Amino acid sequence: MPECSVEYGLYKTRTLIFLAVQCAIGLFVLIGAVPFSIDSDITFAHSAIRPLIVILLTITLLWFISTLLALVVVIRDQKRYLRFHICLNV
């Protein structure tokens, strides 16, 4: 690994926090909206609203999955970064 400044570790930590917040928001939207969109007893003002909700939920699901994958990648990179610098400093 190349030489990294101390700020690099701070940027990675901030990225982890930002991605975790995005995961939480995506999960909150999915948990709150999926039962609402599945319930067939709810009538909407227009018949085209239900397919739009399904499309938006699909986009939200893809966003949630991609955020989780990005979080995993950043955590792996952070572990490698910390392991490299701990080995050099010991």
PDB file of N, CA and C in Angstrom:
ATOM      1  N   MET A   1       0.839  -1.177   0.000  1.00  0.00           N
ATOM      2  CA  MET A   1       0.000   0.000   0.000  1.00  0.00           C
ATOM      3  C   MET A   1       0.882   1.237   0.000  1.00  0.00           C
ATOM      4  N   PRO A   2       0.473   2.276  -0.704  1.00  0.00           N
ATOM      5  CA  PRO A   2       1.269   3.501  -0.726  1.00  0.00           C
ATOM      6  C   PRO A   2       1.156   4.249   0.597  1.00  0.00           C
ATOM      7  N   GLU A   3       2.072   5.198   0.749  1.00  0.00           N
ATOM      8  CA  GLU A   3       2.035   6.037   1.943  1.00  0.00           C
ATOM      9  C   GLU A   3       0.733   6.818   1.980  1.00  0.00           C
ATOM     10  N   CYS A   4       0.097   6.850   3.134  1.00  0.00           N
ATOM     11  CA  CYS A   4      -1.171   7.555   3.293  1.00  0.00           C
ATOM     12  C   CYS A   4      -1.057   8.512   4.462  1.00  0.00           C
ATOM     13  N   SER A   5      -1.698   9.626   4.314  1.00  0.00           N
ATOM     14  CA  SER A   5      -1.710  10.580   5.408  1.00  0.00           C
ATOM     15  C   SER A   5      -2.743  10.159   6.447  1.00  0.00           C
ATOM     16  N   VAL A   6      -2.700  10.827   7.574  1.00  0.00           N
ATOM     17  CA  VAL A   6      -3.660  10.545   8.641  1.00  0.00           C
ATOM     18  C   VAL A   6      -5.067  10.917   8.189  1.00  0.00           C
ATOM     19  N   GLU A   7      -5.180  11.930   7.344  1.00  0.00           N
ATOM     20  CA  GLU A   7      -6.488  12.382   6.878  1.00  0.00           C
ATOM     21  C   GLU A   7      -7.197  11.309   6.057  1.00  0.00           C
ATOM     22  N   TYR A   8      -6.435  10.432   5.415  1.00  0.00           N
ATOM     23  CA  TYR A   8      -7.030   9.362   4.620  1.00  0.00           C
ATOM     24  C   TYR A   8      -7.902   8.462   5.489  1.00  0.00           C
ATOM     25  N   GLY A   9      -7.415   8.130   6.682  1.00  0.00           N
ATOM     26  CA  GLY A   9      -8.198   7.320   7.609  1.00  0.00           C
ATOM     27  C   GLY A   9      -9.457   8.035   8.070  1.00  0.00           C
ATOM     28  N   LEU A  10      -9.361   9.350   8.269  1.00  0.00           N
ATOM     29  CA  LEU A  10     -10.539  10.124   8.659  1.00  0.00           C
ATOM     30  C   LEU A  10     -11.565  10.149   7.541  1.00  0.00           C
ATOM     31  N   TYR A  11     -11.103  10.289   6.302  1.00  0.00           N
ATOM     32  CA  TYR A  11     -12.029  10.284   5.165  1.00  0.00           C
ATOM     33  C   TYR A  11     -12.741   8.944   5.054  1.00  0.00           C
ATOM     34  N   LYS A  12     -11.998   7.861   5.291  1.00  0.00           N
ATOM     35  CA  LYS A  12     -12.619   6.538   5.223  1.00  0.00           C
ATOM     36  C   LYS A  12     -13.651   6.365   6.335  1.00  0.00           C
ATOM     37  N   THR A  13     -13.353   6.873   7.524  1.00  0.00           N
ATOM     38  CA  THR A  13     -14.307   6.779   8.629  1.00  0.00           C
ATOM     39  C   THR A  13     -15.562   7.581   8.317  1.00  0.00           C
ATOM     40  N   ARG A  14     -15.395   8.759   7.760  1.00  0.00           N
ATOM     41  CA  ARG A  14     -16.554   9.569   7.376  1.00  0.00           C
ATOM     42  C   ARG A  14     -17.367   8.877   6.290  1.00  0.00           C
ATOM     43  N   THR A  15     -16.681   8.218   5.365  1.00  0.00           N
ATOM     44  CA  THR A  15     -17.379   7.479   4.313  1.00  0.00           C
ATOM     45  C   THR A  15     -18.186   6.331   4.910  1.00  0.00           C
ATOM     46  N   LEU A  16     -17.607   5.634   5.878  1.00  0.00           N
ATOM     47  CA  LEU A  16     -18.337   4.553   6.550  1.00  0.00           C
ATOM     48  C   LEU A  16     -19.598   5.081   7.232  1.00  0.00           C
ATOM     49  N   ILE A  17     -19.474   6.202   7.913  1.00  0.00           N
ATOM     50  CA  ILE A  17     -20.636   6.783   8.597  1.00  0.00           C
ATOM     51  C   ILE A  17     -21.693   7.189   7.584  1.00  0.00           C
ATOM     52  N   PHE A  18     -21.279   7.839   6.497  1.00  0.00           N
ATOM     53  CA  PHE A  18     -22.219   8.282   5.467  1.00  0.00           C
ATOM     54  C   PHE A  18     -22.945   7.099   4.829  1.00  0.00           C
ATOM     55  N   LEU A  19     -22.221   6.035   4.507  1.00  0.00           N
ATOM     56  CA  LEU A  19     -22.847   4.856   3.909  1.00  0.00           C
ATOM     57  C   LEU A  19     -23.776   4.150   4.899  1.00  0.00           C
ATOM     58  N   ALA A  20     -23.403   4.127   6.173  1.00  0.00           N
ATOM     59  CA  ALA A  20     -24.279   3.519   7.176  1.00  0.00           C
ATOM     60  C   ALA A  20     -25.583   4.302   7.314  1.00  0.00           C
ATOM     61  N   VAL A  21     -25.494   5.627   7.253  1.00  0.00           N
ATOM     62  CA  VAL A  21     -26.713   6.448   7.307  1.00  0.00           C
ATOM     63  C   VAL A  21     -27.576   6.190   6.078  1.00  0.00           C
ATOM     64  N   GLN A  22     -26.953   6.072   4.908  1.00  0.00           N
ATOM     65  CA  GLN A  22     -27.710   5.767   3.691  1.00  0.00           C
ATOM     66  C   GLN A  22     -28.402   4.412   3.794  1.00  0.00           C
ATOM     67  N   CYS A  23     -27.710   3.413   4.341  1.00  0.00           N
ATOM     68  CA  CYS A  23     -28.329   2.088   4.531  1.00  0.00           C
ATOM     69  C   CYS A  23     -29.525   2.183   5.466  1.00  0.00           C
ATOM     70  N   ALA A  24     -29.372   2.940   6.539  1.00  0.00           N
ATOM     71  CA  ALA A  24     -30.469   3.077   7.497  1.00  0.00           C
ATOM     72  C   ALA A  24     -31.671   3.765   6.861  1.00  0.00           C
ATOM     73  N   ILE A  25     -31.431   4.807   6.075  1.00  0.00           N
ATOM     74  CA  ILE A  25     -32.531   5.517   5.406  1.00  0.00           C
ATOM     75  C   ILE A  25     -33.224   4.598   4.404  1.00  0.00           C
ATOM     76  N   GLY A  26     -32.437   3.870   3.603  1.00  0.00           N
ATOM     77  CA  GLY A  26     -33.021   2.947   2.631  1.00  0.00           C
ATOM     78  C   GLY A  26     -33.838   1.853   3.293  1.00  0.00           C
ATOM     79  N   LEU A  27     -33.321   1.306   4.386  1.00  0.00           N
ATOM     80  CA  LEU A  27     -34.057   0.269   5.110  1.00  0.00           C
ATOM     81  C   LEU A  27     -35.341   0.828   5.716  1.00  0.00           C
ATOM     82  N   PHE A  28     -35.271   2.039   6.248  1.00  0.00           N
ATOM     83  CA  PHE A  28     -36.454   2.688   6.819  1.00  0.00           C
ATOM     84  C   PHE A  28     -37.534   2.889   5.757  1.00  0.00           C
ATOM     85  N   VAL A  29     -37.132   3.346   4.571  1.00  0.00           N
ATOM     86  CA  VAL A  29     -38.098   3.556   3.478  1.00  0.00           C
ATOM     87  C   VAL A  29     -38.700   2.227   3.038  1.00  0.00           C
ATOM     88  N   LEU A  30     -37.865   1.209   2.898  1.00  0.00           N
ATOM     89  CA  LEU A  30     -38.375  -0.091   2.454  1.00  0.00           C
ATOM     90  C   LEU A  30     -39.315  -0.715   3.480  1.00  0.00           C
ATOM     91  N   ILE A  31     -38.950  -0.651   4.740  1.00  0.00           N
ATOM     92  CA  ILE A  31     -39.813  -1.235   5.774  1.00  0.00           C
ATOM     93  C   ILE A  31     -41.132  -0.484   5.868  1.00  0.00           C
ATOM     94  N   GLY A  32     -41.091   0.829   5.690  1.00  0.00           N
ATOM     95  CA  GLY A  32     -42.311   1.615   5.806  1.00  0.00           C
ATOM     96  C   GLY A  32     -43.208   1.562   4.592  1.00  0.00           C
ATOM     97  N   ALA A  33     -42.636   1.451   3.402  1.00  0.00           N
ATOM     98  CA  ALA A  33     -43.428   1.589   2.185  1.00  0.00           C
ATOM     99  C   ALA A  33     -43.865   0.266   1.566  1.00  0.00           C
ATOM    100  N   VAL A  34     -43.134  -0.795   1.787  1.00  0.00           N
ATOM    101  CA  VAL A  34     -43.494  -2.062   1.145  1.00  0.00           C
ATOM    102  C   VAL A  34     -44.862  -2.574   1.603  1.00  0.00           C
ATOM    103  N   PRO A  35     -45.170  -2.604   2.896  1.00  0.00           N
ATOM    104  CA  PRO A  35     -46.524  -3.054   3.275  1.00  0.00           C
ATOM    105  C   PRO A  35     -47.618  -2.154   2.704  1.00  0.00           C
ATOM    106  N   PHE A  36     -47.334  -0.872   2.605  1.00  0.00           N
ATOM    107  CA  PHE A  36     -48.298   0.075   2.050  1.00  0.00           C
ATOM    108  C   PHE A  36     -48.558  -0.211   0.571  1.00  0.00           C
ATOM    109  N   SER A  37     -47.520  -0.571  -0.171  1.00  0.00           N
ATOM    110  CA  SER A  37     -47.685  -0.801  -1.608  1.00  0.00           C
ATOM    111  C   SER A  37     -48.281  -2.178  -1.909  1.00  0.00           C
ATOM    112  N   ILE A  38     -48.111  -3.139  -1.011  1.00  0.00           N
ATOM    113  CA  ILE A  38     -48.626  -4.489  -1.249  1.00  0.00           C
ATOM    114  C   ILE A  38     -50.112  -4.591  -0.924  1.00  0.00           C
ATOM    115  N   ASP A  39     -50.576  -3.817   0.047  1.00  0.00           N
ATOM    116  CA  ASP A  39     -51.968  -3.898   0.500  1.00  0.00           C
ATOM    117  C   ASP A  39     -52.915  -3.541  -0.641  1.00  0.00           C
ATOM    118  N   SER A  40     -53.740  -4.500  -1.040  1.00  0.00           N
ATOM    119  CA  SER A  40     -54.656  -4.269  -2.169  1.00  0.00           C
ATOM    120  C   SER A  40     -55.939  -3.563  -1.750  1.00  0.00           C
ATOM    121  N   ASP A  41     -56.183  -3.437  -0.456  1.00  0.00           N
ATOM    122  CA  ASP A  41     -57.393  -2.759   0.016  1.00  0.00           C
ATOM    123  C   ASP A  41     -57.297  -1.241  -0.097  1.00  0.00           C
ATOM    124  N   ILE A  42     -56.096  -0.725  -0.195  1.00  0.00           N
ATOM    125  CA  ILE A  42     -55.913   0.725  -0.288  1.00  0.00           C
ATOM    126  C   ILE A  42     -56.234   1.169  -1.710  1.00  0.00           C
ATOM    127  N   THR A  43     -57.090   2.167  -1.832  1.00  0.00           N
ATOM    128  CA  THR A  43     -57.417   2.714  -3.151  1.00  0.00           C
ATOM    129  C   THR A  43     -56.725   4.060  -3.314  1.00  0.00           C
ATOM    130  N   PHE A  44     -56.131   4.242  -4.465  1.00  0.00           N
ATOM    131  CA  PHE A  44     -55.438   5.489  -4.770  1.00  0.00           C
ATOM    132  C   PHE A  44     -56.321   6.356  -5.655  1.00  0.00           C
ATOM    133  N   ALA A  45     -55.975   7.630  -5.758  1.00  0.00           N
ATOM    134  CA  ALA A  45     -56.770   8.560  -6.560  1.00  0.00           C
ATOM    135  C   ALA A  45     -56.712   8.209  -8.044  1.00  0.00           C
ATOM    136  N   HIS A  46     -55.616   7.632  -8.472  1.00  0.00           N
ATOM    137  CA  HIS A  46     -55.450   7.272  -9.879  1.00  0.00           C
ATOM    138  C   HIS A  46     -54.887   5.857  -9.941  1.00  0.00           C
ATOM    139  N   SER A  47     -55.261   5.123 -10.953  1.00  0.00           N
ATOM    140  CA  SER A  47     -54.830   3.720 -11.048  1.00  0.00           C
ATOM    141  C   SER A  47     -53.347   3.579 -11.391  1.00  0.00           C
ATOM    142  N   ALA A  48     -52.722   4.635 -11.882  1.00  0.00           N
ATOM    143  CA  ALA A  48     -51.311   4.553 -12.259  1.00  0.00           C
ATOM    144  C   ALA A  48     -50.370   4.789 -11.080  1.00  0.00           C
ATOM    145  N   ILE A  49     -50.907   5.099  -9.920  1.00  0.00           N
ATOM    146  CA  ILE A  49     -50.047   5.399  -8.775  1.00  0.00           C
ATOM    147  C   ILE A  49     -49.388   4.136  -8.227  1.00  0.00           C
ATOM    148  N   ARG A  50     -50.124   3.034  -8.158  1.00  0.00           N
ATOM    149  CA  ARG A  50     -49.552   1.796  -7.608  1.00  0.00           C
ATOM    150  C   ARG A  50     -48.342   1.311  -8.418  1.00  0.00           C
ATOM    151  N   PRO A  51     -48.386   1.282  -9.763  1.00  0.00           N
ATOM    152  CA  PRO A  51     -47.171   0.887 -10.493  1.00  0.00           C
ATOM    153  C   PRO A  51     -46.008   1.853 -10.276  1.00  0.00           C
ATOM    154  N   LEU A  52     -46.299   3.138 -10.111  1.00  0.00           N
ATOM    155  CA  LEU A  52     -45.228   4.097  -9.833  1.00  0.00           C
ATOM    156  C   LEU A  52     -44.583   3.826  -8.477  1.00  0.00           C
ATOM    157  N   ILE A  53     -45.398   3.473  -7.498  1.00  0.00           N
ATOM    158  CA  ILE A  53     -44.854   3.146  -6.178  1.00  0.00           C
ATOM    159  C   ILE A  53     -43.980   1.897  -6.261  1.00  0.00           C
ATOM    160  N   VAL A  54     -44.413   0.917  -7.029  1.00  0.00           N
ATOM    161  CA  VAL A  54     -43.614  -0.304  -7.189  1.00  0.00           C
ATOM    162  C   VAL A  54     -42.284   0.012  -7.869  1.00  0.00           C
ATOM    163  N   ILE A  55     -42.296   0.873  -8.872  1.00  0.00           N
ATOM    164  CA  ILE A  55     -41.053   1.266  -9.553  1.00  0.00           C
ATOM    165  C   ILE A  55     -40.130   2.003  -8.590  1.00  0.00           C
ATOM    166  N   LEU A  56     -40.678   2.935  -7.813  1.00  0.00           N
ATOM    167  CA  LEU A  56     -39.861   3.676  -6.851  1.00  0.00           C
ATOM    168  C   LEU A  56     -39.297   2.761  -5.763  1.00  0.00           C
ATOM    169  N   LEU A  57     -40.075   1.794  -5.337  1.00  0.00           N
ATOM    170  CA  LEU A  57     -39.571   0.843  -4.342  1.00  0.00           C
ATOM    171  C   LEU A  57     -38.481  -0.057  -4.919  1.00  0.00           C
ATOM    172  N   THR A  58     -38.606  -0.406  -6.195  1.00  0.00           N
ATOM    173  CA  THR A  58     -37.554  -1.196  -6.842  1.00  0.00           C
ATOM    174  C   THR A  58     -36.258  -0.398  -6.911  1.00  0.00           C
ATOM    175  N   ILE A  59     -36.363   0.873  -7.259  1.00  0.00           N
ATOM    176  CA  ILE A  59     -35.176   1.737  -7.292  1.00  0.00           C
ATOM    177  C   ILE A  59     -34.582   1.868  -5.894  1.00  0.00           C
ATOM    178  N   THR A  60     -35.432   2.010  -4.883  1.00  0.00           N
ATOM    179  CA  THR A  60     -34.951   2.110  -3.504  1.00  0.00           C
ATOM    180  C   THR A  60     -34.275   0.820  -3.065  1.00  0.00           C
ATOM    181  N   LEU A  61     -34.818  -0.317  -3.460  1.00  0.00           N
ATOM    182  CA  LEU A  61     -34.201  -1.597  -3.120  1.00  0.00           C
ATOM    183  C   LEU A  61     -32.822  -1.727  -3.763  1.00  0.00           C
ATOM    184  N   LEU A  62     -32.710  -1.349  -5.030  1.00  0.00           N
ATOM    185  CA  LEU A  62     -31.408  -1.393  -5.700  1.00  0.00           C
ATOM    186  C   LEU A  62     -30.412  -0.446  -5.036  1.00  0.00           C
ATOM    187  N   TRP A  63     -30.897   0.741  -4.648  1.00  0.00           N
ATOM    188  CA  TRP A  63     -30.049   1.708  -3.950  1.00  0.00           C
ATOM    189  C   TRP A  63     -29.580   1.139  -2.612  1.00  0.00           C
ATOM    190  N   PHE A  64     -30.477   0.491  -1.881  1.00  0.00           N
ATOM    191  CA  PHE A  64     -30.134  -0.101  -0.588  1.00  0.00           C
ATOM    192  C   PHE A  64     -29.091  -1.205  -0.757  1.00  0.00           C
ATOM    193  N   ILE A  65     -29.278  -2.069  -1.741  1.00  0.00           N
ATOM    194  CA  ILE A  65     -28.328  -3.164  -1.972  1.00  0.00           C
ATOM    195  C   ILE A  65     -26.962  -2.623  -2.384  1.00  0.00           C
ATOM    196  N   SER A  66     -26.944  -1.631  -3.274  1.00  0.00           N
ATOM    197  CA  SER A  66     -25.660  -1.071  -3.705  1.00  0.00           C
ATOM    198  C   SER A  66     -24.957  -0.348  -2.562  1.00  0.00           C
ATOM    199  N   THR A  67     -25.721   0.290  -1.681  1.00  0.00           N
ATOM    200  CA  THR A  67     -25.115   0.949  -0.524  1.00  0.00           C
ATOM    201  C   THR A  67     -24.521  -0.080   0.430  1.00  0.00           C
ATOM    202  N   LEU A  68     -25.221  -1.195   0.628  1.00  0.00           N
ATOM    203  CA  LEU A  68     -24.669  -2.266   1.468  1.00  0.00           C
ATOM    204  C   LEU A  68     -23.373  -2.820   0.885  1.00  0.00           C
ATOM    205  N   LEU A  69     -23.360  -3.035  -0.419  1.00  0.00           N
ATOM    206  CA  LEU A  69     -22.148  -3.556  -1.058  1.00  0.00           C
ATOM    207  C   LEU A  69     -21.000  -2.557  -0.958  1.00  0.00           C
ATOM    208  N   ALA A  70     -21.295  -1.273  -1.139  1.00  0.00           N
ATOM    209  CA  ALA A  70     -20.259  -0.246  -0.993  1.00  0.00           C
ATOM    210  C   ALA A  70     -19.739  -0.203   0.438  1.00  0.00           C
ATOM    211  N   LEU A  71     -20.627  -0.379   1.398  1.00  0.00           N
ATOM    212  CA  LEU A  71     -20.223  -0.392   2.804  1.00  0.00           C
ATOM    213  C   LEU A  71     -19.286  -1.564   3.086  1.00  0.00           C
ATOM    214  N   VAL A  72     -19.585  -2.719   2.527  1.00  0.00           N
ATOM    215  CA  VAL A  72     -18.719  -3.892   2.704  1.00  0.00           C
ATOM    216  C   VAL A  72     -17.345  -3.641   2.092  1.00  0.00           C
ATOM    217  N   VAL A  73     -17.306  -3.054   0.911  1.00  0.00           N
ATOM    218  CA  VAL A  73     -16.028  -2.773   0.248  1.00  0.00           C
ATOM    219  C   VAL A  73     -15.200  -1.788   1.064  1.00  0.00           C
ATOM    220  N   VAL A  74     -15.827  -0.743   1.568  1.00  0.00           N
ATOM    221  CA  VAL A  74     -15.092   0.257   2.349  1.00  0.00           C
ATOM    222  C   VAL A  74     -14.602  -0.340   3.665  1.00  0.00           C
ATOM    223  N   ILE A  75     -15.406  -1.196   4.299  1.00  0.00           N
ATOM    224  CA  ILE A  75     -14.968  -1.836   5.549  1.00  0.00           C
ATOM    225  C   ILE A  75     -13.774  -2.747   5.291  1.00  0.00           C
ATOM    226  N   ARG A  76     -13.793  -3.510   4.213  1.00  0.00           N
ATOM    227  CA  ARG A  76     -12.646  -4.370   3.879  1.00  0.00           C
ATOM    228  C   ARG A  76     -11.397  -3.537   3.623  1.00  0.00           C
ATOM    229  N   ASP A  77     -11.560  -2.445   2.892  1.00  0.00           N
ATOM    230  CA  ASP A  77     -10.420  -1.581   2.605  1.00  0.00           C
ATOM    231  C   ASP A  77      -9.899  -0.928   3.877  1.00  0.00           C
ATOM    232  N   GLN A  78     -10.797  -0.542   4.754  1.00  0.00           N
ATOM    233  CA  GLN A  78     -10.389   0.072   6.024  1.00  0.00           C
ATOM    234  C   GLN A  78      -9.629  -0.937   6.879  1.00  0.00           C
ATOM    235  N   LYS A  79     -10.074  -2.194   6.903  1.00  0.00           N
ATOM    236  CA  LYS A  79      -9.359  -3.222   7.664  1.00  0.00           C
ATOM    237  C   LYS A  79      -7.957  -3.423   7.099  1.00  0.00           C
ATOM    238  N   ARG A  80      -7.835  -3.462   5.773  1.00  0.00           N
ATOM    239  CA  ARG A  80      -6.533  -3.623   5.140  1.00  0.00           C
ATOM    240  C   ARG A  80      -5.633  -2.429   5.458  1.00  0.00           C
ATOM    241  N   TYR A  81      -6.209  -1.232   5.415  1.00  0.00           N
ATOM    242  CA  TYR A  81      -5.465  -0.005   5.715  1.00  0.00           C
ATOM    243  C   TYR A  81      -4.963  -0.026   7.155  1.00  0.00           C
ATOM    244  N   LEU A  82      -5.842  -0.379   8.091  1.00  0.00           N
ATOM    245  CA  LEU A  82      -5.443  -0.406   9.496  1.00  0.00           C
ATOM    246  C   LEU A  82      -4.422  -1.505   9.765  1.00  0.00           C
ATOM    247  N   ARG A  83      -4.615  -2.675   9.174  1.00  0.00           N
ATOM    248  CA  ARG A  83      -3.680  -3.780   9.368  1.00  0.00           C
ATOM    249  C   ARG A  83      -2.295  -3.403   8.849  1.00  0.00           C
ATOM    250  N   PHE A  84      -2.222  -2.731   7.710  1.00  0.00           N
ATOM    251  CA  PHE A  84      -0.952  -2.321   7.114  1.00  0.00           C
ATOM    252  C   PHE A  84      -0.238  -1.330   8.028  1.00  0.00           C
ATOM    253  N   HIS A  85      -0.960  -0.339   8.534  1.00  0.00           N
ATOM    254  CA  HIS A  85      -0.322   0.688   9.351  1.00  0.00           C
ATOM    255  C   HIS A  85      -0.006   0.196  10.758  1.00  0.00           C
ATOM    256  N   ILE A  86      -0.799  -0.730  11.288  1.00  0.00           N
ATOM    257  CA  ILE A  86      -0.485  -1.285  12.604  1.00  0.00           C
ATOM    258  C   ILE A  86       0.773  -2.140  12.513  1.00  0.00           C
ATOM    259  N   CYS A  87       0.931  -2.907  11.438  1.00  0.00           N
ATOM    260  CA  CYS A  87       2.126  -3.736  11.263  1.00  0.00           C
ATOM    261  C   CYS A  87       3.376  -2.874  11.114  1.00  0.00           C
ATOM    262  N   LEU A  88       3.277  -1.738  10.447  1.00  0.00           N
ATOM    263  CA  LEU A  88       4.438  -0.873  10.269  1.00  0.00           C
ATOM    264  C   LEU A  88       4.793  -0.120  11.548  1.00  0.00           C
ATOM    265  N   ASN A  89       3.808   0.182  12.371  1.00  0.00           N
ATOM    266  CA  ASN A  89       4.068   0.975  13.570  1.00  0.00           C
ATOM    267  C   ASN A  89       4.491   0.139  14.768  1.00  0.00           C
ATOM    268  N   VAL A  90       4.393  -1.187  14.677  1.00  0.00           N
ATOM    269  CA  VAL A  90       4.742  -2.036  15.821  1.00  0.00           C
ATOM    270  C   VAL A  90       6.213  -2.306  15.865  1.00  0.00           C
TER     271      VAL A  90
END
